[in-house]
Amino acid sequence: MAISSAATTGTTRLTYADLEAIPQERPGDRHELIDGVLYVSPSPVPYHQSVQVRFMAIALPVVDGGGLGRIYTAPVDIHFTPTDILNPDMMFIRADRLHIVGPSYVTAAPDLVVEILSPSTYRRDLGVKMALYERFGVPEYWVFDPQARTVALRVLEDGRYRLVEPENGRLRSTVIPGLVIDPTALFAAADLP
């Protein structure tokens, strides 16, 4: 769902101040701004959350055990510009860059972003949001597709995302040393009751 004052007036784009003033219509809704256009996504379905928790269960011990930084889960905003505010499913910020975490939002590109696709966000996550992550220099972009049971890892090289091919069915982070994901095992674990 996209709502924009730009669409109705032809001139005004929403900003972070506008975003803060928007009331929550339903608990769990996420609000994002992309070029001043408001996007509202419903709260994730249980399987989406199960995939996210499984990824977190793998990543958190690696990050915490190595003192590598912090993992944040939605809803935490990334404030790229006053009219580009994204709210990914998860993000990682290296320990030496934790100064970008402000009291209300993250003020610059995180080191890693995770999006878990859903029917309502699929096109946006693989389209305009990926373009913004690329444009603002997010070094690593993970996309989990629960329906296809796939994980795509993209690494920023020369300002463009390059798709990383799995090695022996596993994906290895270039940002978090020691983080290796086996998509088949992750989705199988997410299926458990």
Foldseek 3Di string as FASTA:
>chain_A
DKAAVCVVPVDDAAFVVNVVVDDDPDPQWDWWFDQRIIDIDHHDDLLLVLLVVLLCVQPVCLCVVVVFFDKDAPPAWEPDDRRGIDGARMFTAGPVPCVQQDPRHRDAAGQEGEHEDDPRCNCVVPPRVVLVSLQRPRQKYWYAYLVVLDIWIWGHDPSDTDTDDADVQWDADPRRPPRIDRSVVSSVSSPDD
